[in-house]
């Protein structure tokens, strides 16, 4: 607790040890597990199937000297935790120091892995299981505080359904997916309907979170630097994913499917709802026969959007949309995140104490299996 408020950080990350993949993957895949290797030019990075997990060539690169230097400087604030290998105890120590009660924890390398086409979908499935088993073990150190997000191999929907059921039984708090089109399928593609049905039955949210330099289509690939690509990729992918799930009837067909957008900011939300409402007023259900309610109604019944504490547009989002539809994230311990300043920044926002309580805890806690 921090200054009388409980704090749930709905977007934090693992820093996976590179040896973990081979140690936790099914033994028959151990010699093909993701591994640290040579990316060329004297650089090291994670590889699988002989290919880098993050795209190395073309636009939206991740390896410029300037970007890597900036990231290294930013990571200095995590020196103590990094020295401890980003283990569970050091994470809890950081949380205690800042008064954070719980985190929802997503992969780092795993996010890149889900951005790579796989030639062998069984290997992809095995890699997802390896990460999920390791992360669940990591989070067992304090399971009510470290809420584990399970990654799903949506390239193979049947495998994704199997893994969703398995990880629900083992205690995952939610399911992590990328918002990008994967294997030429948008999130509204009919192939995904069995997955949405399964996750509705399970009753845990999906959390949509972009990751850098994917092979899949990304708005970031229009840019020639990682920074410029990152500026647009995360929020634009979130906006399109939200629109897709609403306009193509996914939420109409799956009214119990809860969706949380993380690491995309929230300042775009009033505008985006306005934009969808304008088109609904103009064309109604034309081209979209499954749209039986106004877009904002679907949003308010099924979505949450995570905000950084330092967003100057946050008061407008609270006023125009409502504090009930926002939650909080820092991106711990990534270099572009807001740890440890994010909590203090939100406390300083010119919004009501009730709004702060909802954003920090009340809105998202029940979705992630925490007491309201």
Protein backbone atom coordinates (compact mmCIF):
# COMPACT_ATOMS: atom_id res chain seq x y z
CA UNK A 1 0.00 0.00 0.00
CA UNK A 2 1.16 3.51 -0.78
CA UNK A 3 -0.18 6.59 0.99
CA UNK A 4 -3.37 4.74 1.89
CA UNK A 5 -3.97 3.35 -1.61
CA UNK A 6 -3.46 -0.16 -2.89
CA UNK A 7 -1.43 -0.27 -6.11
CA UNK A 8 -1.77 -2.77 -8.95
CA UNK A 9 0.73 -2.35 -11.78
CA UNK A 10 -0.99 -4.04 -14.73
CA UNK A 11 2.10 -4.08 -16.94
CA UNK A 12 5.39 -5.37 -15.59
CA UNK A 13 7.85 -7.71 -17.26
CA UNK A 14 10.07 -10.69 -16.79
CA UNK A 15 13.71 -10.44 -17.77
CA UNK A 16 14.06 -14.07 -18.82
CA UNK A 17 17.46 -15.73 -18.26
CA UNK A 18 18.60 -16.87 -21.70
CA UNK A 19 19.38 -20.37 -20.40
CA UNK A 20 15.84 -20.77 -19.09
CA UNK A 21 14.37 -21.79 -22.43
CA UNK A 22 16.48 -24.92 -22.85
CA UNK A 23 16.07 -25.83 -19.19
CA UNK A 24 12.27 -25.62 -19.13
CA UNK A 25 11.33 -26.71 -22.64
CA UNK A 26 10.17 -30.26 -23.33
CA UNK A 27 13.34 -32.35 -23.59
CA UNK A 28 12.67 -33.36 -27.18
CA UNK A 29 12.95 -29.70 -28.19
CA UNK A 30 15.90 -28.82 -25.94
CA UNK A 31 18.43 -28.64 -28.79
CA UNK A 32 16.11 -26.26 -30.69
CA UNK A 33 15.03 -24.01 -27.83
CA UNK A 34 15.45 -20.23 -28.07
CA UNK A 35 19.07 -19.47 -27.31
CA UNK A 36 21.55 -16.62 -27.13
CA UNK A 37 23.49 -16.40 -30.38
CA UNK A 38 25.35 -14.25 -32.87
CA UNK A 39 23.26 -11.61 -34.64
CA UNK A 40 26.19 -10.39 -36.71
CA UNK A 41 28.32 -7.30 -36.33
CA UNK A 42 29.57 -8.47 -32.96
CA UNK A 43 26.09 -8.37 -31.46
CA UNK A 44 24.42 -11.09 -29.38
CA UNK A 45 20.71 -11.76 -29.21
CA UNK A 46 18.05 -14.43 -28.91
CA UNK A 47 17.62 -16.83 -31.81
CA UNK A 48 15.25 -19.67 -32.63
CA UNK A 49 15.06 -21.80 -35.76
CA UNK A 50 18.30 -20.08 -36.73
CA UNK A 51 16.59 -16.67 -36.88
CA UNK A 52 16.61 -13.66 -34.53
CA UNK A 53 13.43 -13.33 -32.50
CA UNK A 54 13.33 -9.59 -33.25
CA UNK A 55 13.61 -8.43 -36.86
CA UNK A 56 17.12 -7.14 -37.48
CA UNK A 57 16.84 -5.69 -40.97
CA UNK A 58 14.68 -3.12 -42.68
CA UNK A 59 12.66 -0.53 -40.80
CA UNK A 60 11.89 -0.32 -37.06
CA UNK A 61 15.34 -1.72 -36.11
CA UNK A 62 16.28 -2.31 -32.50
CA UNK A 63 20.06 -2.23 -32.64
CA UNK A 64 21.27 1.30 -33.38
CA UNK A 65 24.15 2.37 -31.18
CA UNK A 66 22.24 5.47 -30.07
CA UNK A 67 19.16 3.50 -29.00
CA UNK A 68 21.15 0.84 -27.18
CA UNK A 69 23.16 3.50 -25.34
CA UNK A 70 20.00 5.30 -24.25
CA UNK A 71 18.49 2.03 -23.04
CA UNK A 72 21.63 1.17 -21.09
CA UNK A 73 21.58 4.56 -19.35
CA UNK A 74 17.93 4.14 -18.44
CA UNK A 75 18.52 0.66 -17.02
CA UNK A 76 21.03 2.00 -14.50
CA UNK A 77 18.14 2.67 -12.12
CA UNK A 78 17.64 -1.11 -11.89
CA UNK A 79 21.29 -1.86 -11.12
CA UNK A 80 20.57 -3.51 -7.77
CA UNK A 81 17.78 -5.67 -9.15
CA UNK A 82 19.80 -6.57 -12.24
CA UNK A 83 22.72 -7.65 -10.05
CA UNK A 84 20.29 -10.04 -8.35
CA UNK A 85 19.29 -11.45 -11.75
CA UNK A 86 15.85 -9.81 -11.60
CA UNK A 87 14.80 -12.62 -9.31
CA UNK A 88 11.53 -12.77 -7.40
CA UNK A 89 12.96 -11.53 -4.12
CA UNK A 90 14.59 -8.45 -5.67
CA UNK A 91 11.36 -7.63 -7.50
CA UNK A 92 9.34 -7.87 -4.30
CA UNK A 93 11.95 -5.66 -2.64
CA UNK A 94 11.43 -2.99 -5.31
CA UNK A 95 7.66 -3.29 -4.94
CA UNK A 96 7.85 -2.95 -1.17
CA UNK A 97 10.09 0.10 -1.47
CA UNK A 98 7.54 1.85 -3.70
CA UNK A 99 4.37 0.59 -2.00
CA UNK A 100 3.21 -1.54 -4.93
CA UNK A 101 0.92 -4.36 -3.83
CA UNK A 102 0.81 -6.45 -7.01
CA UNK A 103 2.11 -6.65 -10.57
CA UNK A 104 0.79 -8.41 -13.66
CA UNK A 105 3.90 -9.85 -15.28
CA UNK A 106 4.42 -10.38 -19.02
CA UNK A 107 7.42 -11.74 -20.93
CA UNK A 108 10.14 -9.69 -22.58
CA UNK A 109 11.87 -12.19 -24.85
CA UNK A 110 8.59 -14.10 -25.03
CA UNK A 111 6.89 -11.08 -26.56
CA UNK A 112 9.49 -11.04 -29.31
CA UNK A 113 9.06 -14.78 -29.75
CA UNK A 114 5.35 -14.28 -30.43
CA UNK A 115 6.30 -11.69 -33.06
CA UNK A 116 8.26 -14.24 -35.11
CA UNK A 117 6.81 -16.65 -37.68
CA UNK A 118 7.61 -20.25 -36.75
CA UNK A 119 8.23 -22.98 -39.30
CA UNK A 120 7.49 -25.61 -36.64
CA UNK A 121 4.37 -24.75 -34.65
CA UNK A 122 5.04 -27.57 -32.19
CA UNK A 123 8.31 -25.84 -31.32
CA UNK A 124 6.44 -22.56 -30.82
CA UNK A 125 3.97 -24.31 -28.52
CA UNK A 126 6.81 -25.93 -26.58
CA UNK A 127 8.54 -22.57 -26.18
CA UNK A 128 5.34 -20.99 -24.86
CA UNK A 129 4.90 -23.84 -22.37
CA UNK A 130 8.52 -23.45 -21.27
CA UNK A 131 8.11 -19.75 -20.58
CA UNK A 132 4.78 -20.24 -18.84
CA UNK A 133 6.10 -22.99 -16.57
CA UNK A 134 9.17 -20.93 -15.65
CA UNK A 135 7.18 -17.73 -15.07
CA UNK A 136 4.59 -19.52 -12.96
CA UNK A 137 7.39 -20.95 -10.81
CA UNK A 138 8.93 -17.47 -10.53
CA UNK A 139 5.60 -15.96 -9.47
CA UNK A 140 4.98 -18.72 -6.90
CA UNK A 141 7.36 -16.81 -4.62
CA UNK A 142 4.43 -14.47 -3.84
CA UNK A 143 1.50 -15.55 -6.04
CA UNK A 144 -0.98 -12.96 -4.76
CA UNK A 145 1.46 -10.20 -5.58
CA UNK A 146 3.13 -11.55 -8.72
CA UNK A 147 0.23 -12.23 -11.11
CA UNK A 148 1.41 -14.29 -14.02
CA UNK A 149 0.29 -13.61 -17.62
CA UNK A 150 0.42 -16.76 -19.78
CA UNK A 151 1.55 -16.36 -23.38
CA UNK A 152 -0.51 -18.18 -26.00
CA UNK A 153 0.74 -19.51 -29.38
CA UNK A 154 -2.08 -18.01 -31.43
CA UNK A 155 -0.45 -19.02 -34.72
CA UNK A 156 -1.92 -22.43 -33.88
CA UNK A 157 -5.33 -21.79 -32.35
CA UNK A 158 -5.79 -25.38 -31.14
CA UNK A 159 -2.51 -25.17 -29.22
CA UNK A 160 -3.51 -21.77 -27.83
CA UNK A 161 -6.75 -23.23 -26.49
CA UNK A 162 -4.92 -26.17 -24.91
CA UNK A 163 -2.45 -23.82 -23.25
CA UNK A 164 -5.18 -21.48 -22.01
CA UNK A 165 -6.92 -24.34 -20.21
CA UNK A 166 -3.65 -25.72 -18.87
CA UNK A 167 -2.47 -22.39 -17.52
CA UNK A 168 -5.86 -21.58 -16.03
CA UNK A 169 -5.65 -24.79 -14.00
CA UNK A 170 -2.10 -23.95 -12.92
CA UNK A 171 -3.02 -20.46 -11.75
CA UNK A 172 -2.26 -17.92 -14.48
CA UNK A 173 -4.05 -14.62 -13.91
CA UNK A 174 -4.60 -13.69 -17.57
CA UNK A 175 -3.57 -14.43 -21.13
CA UNK A 176 -1.04 -12.39 -23.07
CA UNK A 177 -1.49 -11.81 -26.80
CA UNK A 178 -0.03 -9.39 -29.30
CA UNK A 179 -2.46 -6.97 -30.95
CA UNK A 180 -0.78 -7.30 -34.36
CA UNK A 181 -2.12 -9.42 -37.19
CA UNK A 182 -0.53 -12.86 -36.75
CA UNK A 183 -0.23 -15.37 -39.59
CA UNK A 184 -2.35 -13.06 -41.76
CA UNK A 185 -5.18 -13.07 -39.22
CA UNK A 186 -6.57 -10.00 -37.47
CA UNK A 187 -8.00 -10.54 -34.00
CA UNK A 188 -11.52 -10.65 -35.45
CA UNK A 189 -10.72 -13.57 -37.78
CA UNK A 190 -13.23 -16.39 -37.41
CA UNK A 191 -10.40 -18.86 -36.67
CA UNK A 192 -10.06 -17.19 -33.27
CA UNK A 193 -13.69 -17.68 -32.22
CA UNK A 194 -13.03 -21.05 -30.51
CA UNK A 195 -10.23 -19.41 -28.53
CA UNK A 196 -12.45 -16.54 -27.42
CA UNK A 197 -15.13 -19.07 -26.44
CA UNK A 198 -12.61 -20.98 -24.34
CA UNK A 199 -11.29 -17.86 -22.63
CA UNK A 200 -14.85 -16.69 -21.92
CA UNK A 201 -15.49 -20.04 -20.25
CA UNK A 202 -12.29 -19.72 -18.22
CA UNK A 203 -13.31 -16.22 -17.14
CA UNK A 204 -9.90 -14.52 -17.19
CA UNK A 205 -8.96 -11.47 -19.29
CA UNK A 206 -6.86 -11.22 -22.40
CA UNK A 207 -4.15 -8.57 -22.19
CA UNK A 208 -3.04 -7.02 -25.46
CA UNK A 209 0.54 -5.77 -25.54
CA UNK A 210 2.74 -4.94 -28.50
CA UNK A 211 6.47 -5.68 -28.56
CA UNK A 212 9.31 -4.19 -30.54
CA UNK A 213 10.59 -5.09 -34.01
CA UNK A 214 8.21 -7.92 -34.90
CA UNK A 215 8.20 -9.78 -38.19
CA UNK A 216 4.41 -9.47 -38.25
CA UNK A 217 2.82 -6.32 -39.73
CA UNK A 218 3.29 -3.36 -37.42
CA UNK A 219 2.63 0.34 -37.72
CA UNK A 220 6.18 0.77 -36.48
CA UNK A 221 7.63 -0.68 -39.66
CA UNK A 222 6.74 2.53 -41.51
CA UNK A 223 9.57 4.20 -39.59
CA UNK A 224 13.35 3.97 -39.99
CA UNK A 225 14.33 4.11 -36.31
CA UNK A 226 13.25 2.06 -33.33
CA UNK A 227 12.24 5.12 -31.34
CA UNK A 228 9.94 6.50 -34.03
CA UNK A 229 8.49 3.04 -34.67
CA UNK A 230 7.90 2.48 -30.97
CA UNK A 231 6.12 5.84 -30.62
CA UNK A 232 3.41 4.76 -33.02
CA UNK A 233 3.38 0.97 -32.80
CA UNK A 234 2.07 0.43 -29.28
CA UNK A 235 -0.86 2.88 -29.24
CA UNK A 236 -1.84 2.41 -32.89
CA UNK A 237 -1.88 -1.38 -32.58
CA UNK A 238 -4.01 -1.05 -29.43
CA UNK A 239 -6.45 1.30 -31.13
CA UNK A 240 -6.88 -0.96 -34.15
CA UNK A 241 -7.25 -4.05 -31.96
CA UNK A 242 -9.99 -2.39 -29.92
CA UNK A 243 -11.83 -1.25 -33.03
CA UNK A 244 -11.51 -4.69 -34.61
CA UNK A 245 -12.89 -6.56 -31.61
CA UNK A 246 -15.85 -4.18 -31.42
CA UNK A 247 -16.76 -3.56 -35.06
CA UNK A 248 -16.34 -7.11 -36.33
CA UNK A 249 -18.60 -8.58 -33.66
CA UNK A 250 -16.10 -10.36 -31.42
CA UNK A 251 -17.51 -8.71 -28.30
CA UNK A 252 -21.07 -9.18 -29.55
CA UNK A 253 -20.44 -12.92 -29.97
CA UNK A 254 -18.36 -13.17 -26.78
CA UNK A 255 -19.94 -10.73 -24.31
CA UNK A 256 -17.98 -12.10 -21.34
CA UNK A 257 -14.57 -11.62 -22.97
CA UNK A 258 -12.64 -9.02 -20.96
CA UNK A 259 -9.87 -7.10 -22.71
CA UNK A 260 -7.10 -5.06 -21.08
CA UNK A 261 -4.85 -2.83 -23.19
CA UNK A 262 -1.46 -2.27 -21.57
CA UNK A 263 1.67 -0.25 -22.42
CA UNK A 264 -0.14 1.87 -24.99
CA UNK A 265 -1.05 4.88 -22.83
CA UNK A 266 -4.67 6.03 -22.45
CA UNK A 267 -4.74 9.59 -23.78
CA UNK A 268 -6.02 8.37 -27.16
CA UNK A 269 -9.11 6.78 -25.62
CA UNK A 270 -11.61 9.71 -25.72
CA UNK A 271 -10.66 10.51 -29.30
CA UNK A 272 -10.90 6.88 -30.39
CA UNK A 273 -14.35 6.38 -28.89
CA UNK A 274 -15.39 9.63 -30.53
CA UNK A 275 -14.03 8.45 -33.89
CA UNK A 276 -15.91 5.16 -33.67
CA UNK A 277 -19.13 6.91 -32.61
CA UNK A 278 -18.88 9.30 -35.57
CA UNK A 279 -18.77 6.39 -37.97
CA UNK A 280 -21.55 4.58 -36.15
CA UNK A 281 -23.72 7.71 -36.46
CA UNK A 282 -22.92 7.88 -40.16
CA UNK A 283 -23.14 4.26 -41.29
CA UNK A 284 -24.61 2.31 -38.39
CA UNK A 285 -24.36 -1.40 -39.08
CA UNK A 286 -23.51 -1.01 -42.76
CA UNK A 287 -20.74 -3.53 -43.50
CA UNK A 288 -20.84 -4.62 -39.84
CA UNK A 289 -24.08 -6.55 -39.22
CA UNK A 290 -22.88 -7.88 -35.86
CA UNK A 291 -22.69 -4.36 -34.40
CA UNK A 292 -25.90 -4.40 -32.37
CA UNK A 293 -24.94 -1.67 -29.90
CA UNK A 294 -23.06 1.60 -30.04
CA UNK A 295 -19.26 1.13 -30.00
CA UNK A 296 -18.89 2.90 -26.66
CA UNK A 297 -21.35 0.47 -25.06
CA UNK A 298 -19.16 -2.46 -26.07
CA UNK A 299 -16.11 -0.62 -24.80
CA UNK A 300 -17.64 0.13 -21.42
CA UNK A 301 -18.81 -3.43 -20.85
CA UNK A 302 -15.60 -5.23 -21.86
CA UNK A 303 -12.44 -3.07 -21.91
CA UNK A 304 -9.90 -1.46 -19.63
CA UNK A 305 -7.02 0.74 -20.82
CA UNK A 306 -3.83 1.18 -18.80
CA UNK A 307 -2.42 4.67 -18.28
CA UNK A 308 1.01 5.90 -17.28
CA UNK A 309 1.05 8.14 -14.26
CA UNK A 310 2.64 11.02 -16.16
CA UNK A 311 0.09 11.38 -18.98
CA UNK A 312 -0.98 15.01 -19.23
CA UNK A 313 -4.11 13.83 -21.05
CA UNK A 314 -5.22 11.59 -18.18
CA UNK A 315 -7.58 14.17 -16.61
CA UNK A 316 -9.33 14.52 -19.98
CA UNK A 317 -9.73 10.74 -20.26
CA UNK A 318 -11.19 10.64 -16.74
CA UNK A 319 -13.59 13.48 -17.51
CA UNK A 320 -14.66 12.38 -20.99
CA UNK A 321 -14.73 8.59 -20.59
CA UNK A 322 -14.68 7.88 -16.85
CA UNK A 323 -12.17 6.70 -14.29
CA UNK A 324 -13.96 3.33 -14.21
CA UNK A 325 -12.40 2.32 -17.53
CA UNK A 326 -8.75 3.02 -16.74
CA UNK A 327 -6.04 1.15 -14.94
CA UNK A 328 -2.38 1.79 -14.15
CA UNK A 329 0.98 0.51 -15.46
CA UNK A 330 4.70 1.29 -15.28
CA UNK A 331 6.36 -1.24 -17.66
CA UNK A 332 8.77 -2.32 -14.86
CA UNK A 333 11.70 -2.95 -15.41
CA UNK A 334 12.00 -1.83 -19.02
CA UNK A 335 14.12 1.20 -19.83
CA UNK A 336 11.29 3.17 -21.44
CA UNK A 337 8.92 2.64 -18.51
CA UNK A 338 8.01 4.93 -15.62
CA UNK A 339 9.36 2.99 -12.63
CA UNK A 340 9.74 4.28 -9.96
CA UNK A 341 8.24 7.70 -10.71
CA UNK A 342 4.94 6.50 -12.15
CA UNK A 343 3.13 6.11 -8.85
CA UNK A 344 4.04 9.59 -7.61
CA UNK A 345 3.11 11.04 -10.99
CA UNK A 346 -0.39 9.58 -10.78
CA UNK A 347 -0.76 10.77 -7.19
CA UNK A 348 -0.07 14.33 -8.43
CA UNK A 349 -2.66 14.21 -11.20
CA UNK A 350 -5.50 16.79 -10.90
CA UNK A 351 -8.16 14.10 -10.58
CA UNK A 352 -10.21 13.03 -7.57
CA UNK A 353 -8.96 10.66 -4.89
CA UNK A 354 -11.78 8.33 -5.89
CA UNK A 355 -10.52 8.29 -9.48
CA UNK A 356 -6.98 7.54 -8.30
CA UNK A 357 -8.23 4.65 -6.15
CA UNK A 358 -10.13 3.18 -9.10
CA UNK A 359 -7.20 3.52 -11.48
CA UNK A 360 -4.59 2.23 -9.05
CA UNK A 361 -6.57 -0.80 -7.88
CA UNK A 362 -10.34 -1.11 -7.93
CA UNK A 363 -10.99 -1.36 -11.66
CA UNK A 364 -8.48 -4.06 -12.53
CA UNK A 365 -7.98 -6.01 -9.31
CA UNK A 366 -11.06 -8.26 -9.69
CA UNK A 367 -10.12 -9.13 -13.28
CA UNK A 368 -6.73 -10.40 -12.12
CA UNK A 369 -8.09 -12.43 -9.22
CA UNK A 370 -7.38 -9.89 -6.49
CA UNK A 371 -9.75 -8.59 -3.83
CA UNK A 372 -11.67 -5.47 -4.85
